[in-house]
């Protein structure tokens, strides 16, 4: 084998090893339209994804569609397995989920796409909207590194606008959450615009950060 071929082969091995080292284990709790769509985008970006729900046996079609680096598991499996935990559940499920996951997510990055609605989520939703959704998240899941994103974009737009330089407001405070949150937004094919958690309500449906916008449009709308 020539020296050129050897160097090329070595380079390919190095690139493959780097890609493996850079890949994440992403657990998606709540594998509906939003969780399923984002998880599939992340599989295509080279990450390993575990989709989880109360009935993981019903996720076989989603796992097959997502690709060979996808799998299914229980909520408890997902909490233990993932480097990052993505929450995509109806907000009224948060009190029960909080008890189920107590102590299991300490120190992990939790990436929440879950939104409270006053009609659908009753008192749980109304309270979260009143006090601020990020503060409610942190009360339900203490000890995590919280980031919120993809809160005001529908799953159909996630599919159709991925890779088209559309911006996603990404709310986080600490460096670990900001860095990993921004990476997941980029790997899904969007541009992260970083904001503090105190502004997270602006990213809810109907808020000023809602819709499918360019980075310049979003920053203008938010006064950045």
Protein backbone atom coordinates (compact mmCIF):
# COMPACT_ATOMS: atom_id res chain seq x y z
CA UNK A 1 0.00 0.00 0.00
CA UNK A 2 1.40 3.43 -0.98
CA UNK A 3 2.21 6.08 1.59
CA UNK A 4 -0.59 8.29 0.20
CA UNK A 5 -3.16 5.53 0.66
CA UNK A 6 -1.90 4.84 4.16
CA UNK A 7 -2.21 8.51 5.11
CA UNK A 8 -5.71 8.67 3.62
CA UNK A 9 -6.76 5.54 5.49
CA UNK A 10 -5.33 6.90 8.74
CA UNK A 11 -7.17 10.17 8.20
CA UNK A 12 -10.46 8.36 7.68
CA UNK A 13 -9.95 6.38 10.89
CA UNK A 14 -9.14 9.60 12.78
CA UNK A 15 -12.27 11.33 11.46
CA UNK A 16 -14.45 8.36 12.34
CA UNK A 17 -12.96 8.17 15.83
CA UNK A 18 -13.48 11.92 16.33
CA UNK A 19 -17.10 11.65 15.21
CA UNK A 20 -17.71 8.81 17.67
CA UNK A 21 -16.06 10.77 20.46
CA UNK A 22 -18.20 13.81 19.69
CA UNK A 23 -21.50 11.94 19.52
CA UNK A 24 -23.92 12.16 22.42
CA UNK A 25 -26.35 9.77 24.04
CA UNK A 26 -29.64 11.67 23.98
CA UNK A 27 -32.65 10.40 25.90
CA UNK A 28 -36.00 11.74 24.69
CA UNK A 29 -38.73 11.43 27.30
CA UNK A 30 -42.01 11.82 25.49
CA UNK A 31 -41.74 10.45 21.96
CA UNK A 32 -44.69 12.20 20.34
CA UNK A 33 -44.53 14.47 17.31
CA UNK A 34 -42.02 16.94 18.73
CA UNK A 35 -39.80 14.48 20.60
CA UNK A 36 -39.91 12.01 17.72
CA UNK A 37 -39.01 14.65 15.15
CA UNK A 38 -36.12 16.14 17.11
CA UNK A 39 -34.77 12.73 18.07
CA UNK A 40 -34.78 11.66 14.42
CA UNK A 41 -32.92 14.83 13.40
CA UNK A 42 -30.29 14.13 16.06
CA UNK A 43 -29.85 10.52 14.92
CA UNK A 44 -29.24 11.83 11.40
CA UNK A 45 -26.63 14.20 12.88
CA UNK A 46 -24.70 11.22 14.26
CA UNK A 47 -25.96 10.98 17.83
CA UNK A 48 -27.43 7.96 19.60
CA UNK A 49 -31.00 8.48 20.76
CA UNK A 50 -33.23 6.56 23.16
CA UNK A 51 -36.92 7.31 22.72
CA UNK A 52 -38.92 6.65 25.85
CA UNK A 53 -42.50 6.71 27.01
CA UNK A 54 -44.81 4.86 29.36
CA UNK A 55 -45.23 2.27 26.60
CA UNK A 56 -41.82 1.80 24.92
CA UNK A 57 -43.08 -1.29 23.09
CA UNK A 58 -45.18 1.07 20.96
CA UNK A 59 -42.11 2.95 19.66
CA UNK A 60 -40.82 0.29 17.25
CA UNK A 61 -41.89 2.18 14.11
CA UNK A 62 -40.31 5.43 15.31
CA UNK A 63 -37.03 3.66 16.12
CA UNK A 64 -36.99 2.02 12.69
CA UNK A 65 -37.68 5.32 10.94
CA UNK A 66 -35.08 7.24 12.94
CA UNK A 67 -32.21 4.92 12.02
CA UNK A 68 -29.72 2.41 13.39
CA UNK A 69 -28.55 4.61 16.26
CA UNK A 70 -32.04 4.81 17.74
CA UNK A 71 -33.54 2.61 20.43
CA UNK A 72 -36.52 2.56 22.77
CA UNK A 73 -36.69 2.28 26.54
CA UNK A 74 -38.66 3.12 29.63
CA UNK A 75 -38.55 6.55 31.25
CA UNK A 76 -36.28 5.17 33.97
CA UNK A 77 -34.01 3.61 31.34
CA UNK A 78 -33.78 6.94 29.55
CA UNK A 79 -32.94 8.87 32.72
CA UNK A 80 -30.01 6.56 33.45
CA UNK A 81 -28.74 6.17 29.88
CA UNK A 82 -28.59 9.67 28.40
CA UNK A 83 -25.82 12.24 28.51
CA UNK A 84 -28.59 14.77 28.00
CA UNK A 85 -32.29 14.36 28.77
CA UNK A 86 -34.86 15.90 26.44
CA UNK A 87 -38.32 16.48 27.91
CA UNK A 88 -41.16 16.61 25.42
CA UNK A 89 -44.23 15.85 27.53
CA UNK A 90 -47.53 17.61 28.24
CA UNK A 91 -46.82 20.00 31.10
CA UNK A 92 -49.54 18.52 33.28
CA UNK A 93 -47.33 15.42 33.52
CA UNK A 94 -44.55 17.33 35.28
CA UNK A 95 -45.64 16.66 38.90
CA UNK A 96 -45.74 12.88 38.32
CA UNK A 97 -42.55 12.96 36.26
CA UNK A 98 -40.84 14.94 39.00
CA UNK A 99 -41.55 12.17 41.51
CA UNK A 100 -40.56 9.44 39.08
CA UNK A 101 -37.22 11.08 38.26
CA UNK A 102 -36.35 12.40 41.72
CA UNK A 103 -32.58 12.21 42.20
CA UNK A 104 -32.02 10.50 38.82
CA UNK A 105 -31.12 13.60 36.80
CA UNK A 106 -28.88 15.43 39.25
CA UNK A 107 -26.05 17.17 37.41
CA UNK A 108 -27.39 16.34 33.95
CA UNK A 109 -28.40 18.76 31.23
CA UNK A 110 -32.17 18.72 30.76
CA UNK A 111 -33.37 20.16 27.45
CA UNK A 112 -37.06 20.99 27.72
CA UNK A 113 -39.43 21.49 24.81
CA UNK A 114 -42.46 21.15 27.11
CA UNK A 115 -44.90 24.07 27.31
CA UNK A 116 -47.61 24.86 29.85
CA UNK A 117 -51.08 25.74 28.58
CA UNK A 118 -53.70 27.07 30.97
CA UNK A 119 -56.57 25.16 29.33
CA UNK A 120 -54.93 21.80 28.64
CA UNK A 121 -52.73 21.65 31.74
CA UNK A 122 -55.20 23.14 34.26
CA UNK A 123 -53.68 24.38 37.53
CA UNK A 124 -50.23 22.98 36.69
CA UNK A 125 -50.12 25.00 33.48
CA UNK A 126 -51.57 28.17 34.95
CA UNK A 127 -49.14 28.17 37.84
CA UNK A 128 -46.14 27.66 35.53
CA UNK A 129 -47.23 30.52 33.29
CA UNK A 130 -47.75 32.83 36.25
CA UNK A 131 -44.46 32.16 38.01
CA UNK A 132 -42.37 31.67 34.86
CA UNK A 133 -41.93 28.39 33.06
CA UNK A 134 -38.20 28.11 33.73
CA UNK A 135 -38.69 28.57 37.46
CA UNK A 136 -41.43 25.94 37.40
CA UNK A 137 -39.11 23.56 35.53
CA UNK A 138 -36.41 24.02 38.14
CA UNK A 139 -38.83 23.37 40.98
CA UNK A 140 -39.97 20.13 39.40
CA UNK A 141 -36.42 19.07 38.48
CA UNK A 142 -33.98 20.51 41.02
CA UNK A 143 -30.30 19.90 40.54
CA UNK A 144 -30.30 19.83 36.73
CA UNK A 145 -28.67 22.11 34.17
CA UNK A 146 -31.74 23.48 32.41
CA UNK A 147 -32.05 24.65 28.83
CA UNK A 148 -35.30 25.38 26.98
CA UNK A 149 -35.65 25.46 23.19
CA UNK A 150 -37.99 24.49 20.33
CA UNK A 151 -40.91 25.73 22.41
CA UNK A 152 -42.74 27.76 19.77
CA UNK A 153 -42.17 25.89 16.53
CA UNK A 154 -44.35 23.03 15.34
CA UNK A 155 -42.94 19.63 14.49
CA UNK A 156 -43.85 20.04 10.79
CA UNK A 157 -41.69 23.19 10.66
CA UNK A 158 -38.89 21.36 12.47
CA UNK A 159 -38.86 18.90 9.59
CA UNK A 160 -39.26 21.36 6.74
CA UNK A 161 -37.03 24.18 8.04
CA UNK A 162 -34.09 22.11 9.31
CA UNK A 163 -30.92 23.18 7.54
CA UNK A 164 -32.39 26.48 6.31
CA UNK A 165 -30.67 28.85 8.77
CA UNK A 166 -33.79 29.48 10.85
CA UNK A 167 -33.24 30.68 14.41
CA UNK A 168 -34.35 29.03 17.63
CA UNK A 169 -34.39 31.00 20.92
CA UNK A 170 -32.39 28.93 23.40
CA UNK A 171 -32.82 29.77 27.07
CA UNK A 172 -30.16 28.79 29.62
CA UNK A 173 -28.06 30.32 32.38
CA UNK A 174 -25.09 28.12 33.22
CA UNK A 175 -22.30 27.39 30.70
CA UNK A 176 -22.91 23.64 30.50
CA UNK A 177 -26.57 24.09 29.64
CA UNK A 178 -25.85 26.91 27.18
CA UNK A 179 -23.12 25.02 25.34
CA UNK A 180 -24.94 21.72 25.08
CA UNK A 181 -28.26 23.37 24.31
CA UNK A 182 -26.74 25.41 21.50
CA UNK A 183 -25.07 22.31 20.11
CA UNK A 184 -28.31 20.35 20.01
CA UNK A 185 -30.09 23.22 18.26
CA UNK A 186 -27.31 23.40 15.66
CA UNK A 187 -27.26 19.63 15.20
CA UNK A 188 -31.00 19.68 14.52
CA UNK A 189 -30.29 22.10 11.67
CA UNK A 190 -31.10 25.46 13.28
CA UNK A 191 -29.28 28.56 14.57
CA UNK A 192 -29.33 29.03 18.37
CA UNK A 193 -29.96 32.50 19.76
CA UNK A 194 -28.96 32.42 23.41
CA UNK A 195 -31.05 34.08 26.10
CA UNK A 196 -31.28 33.83 29.91
CA UNK A 197 -33.85 31.58 31.54
CA UNK A 198 -35.58 34.65 32.97
CA UNK A 199 -36.87 35.34 29.44
CA UNK A 200 -38.12 31.80 28.77
CA UNK A 201 -41.80 32.80 28.75
CA UNK A 202 -41.03 34.88 25.64
CA UNK A 203 -40.28 31.66 23.82
CA UNK A 204 -43.66 30.07 24.51
CA UNK A 205 -46.35 29.77 21.81
CA UNK A 206 -47.80 33.21 21.15
CA UNK A 207 -44.77 34.95 22.64
CA UNK A 208 -42.50 37.40 20.81
CA UNK A 209 -39.95 34.69 20.04
CA UNK A 210 -42.50 32.41 18.41
CA UNK A 211 -42.64 31.45 14.77
CA UNK A 212 -40.08 30.54 12.12
CA UNK A 213 -37.66 33.44 11.83
CA UNK A 214 -34.17 34.20 10.60
CA UNK A 215 -31.50 35.02 13.17
CA UNK A 216 -31.70 38.73 12.31
CA UNK A 217 -35.50 38.75 12.52
CA UNK A 218 -35.51 36.99 15.89
CA UNK A 219 -32.86 39.25 17.39
CA UNK A 220 -34.72 42.34 16.18
CA UNK A 221 -37.98 41.11 17.65
CA UNK A 222 -36.29 40.42 21.01
CA UNK A 223 -34.30 43.65 21.09
CA UNK A 224 -30.91 41.94 20.88
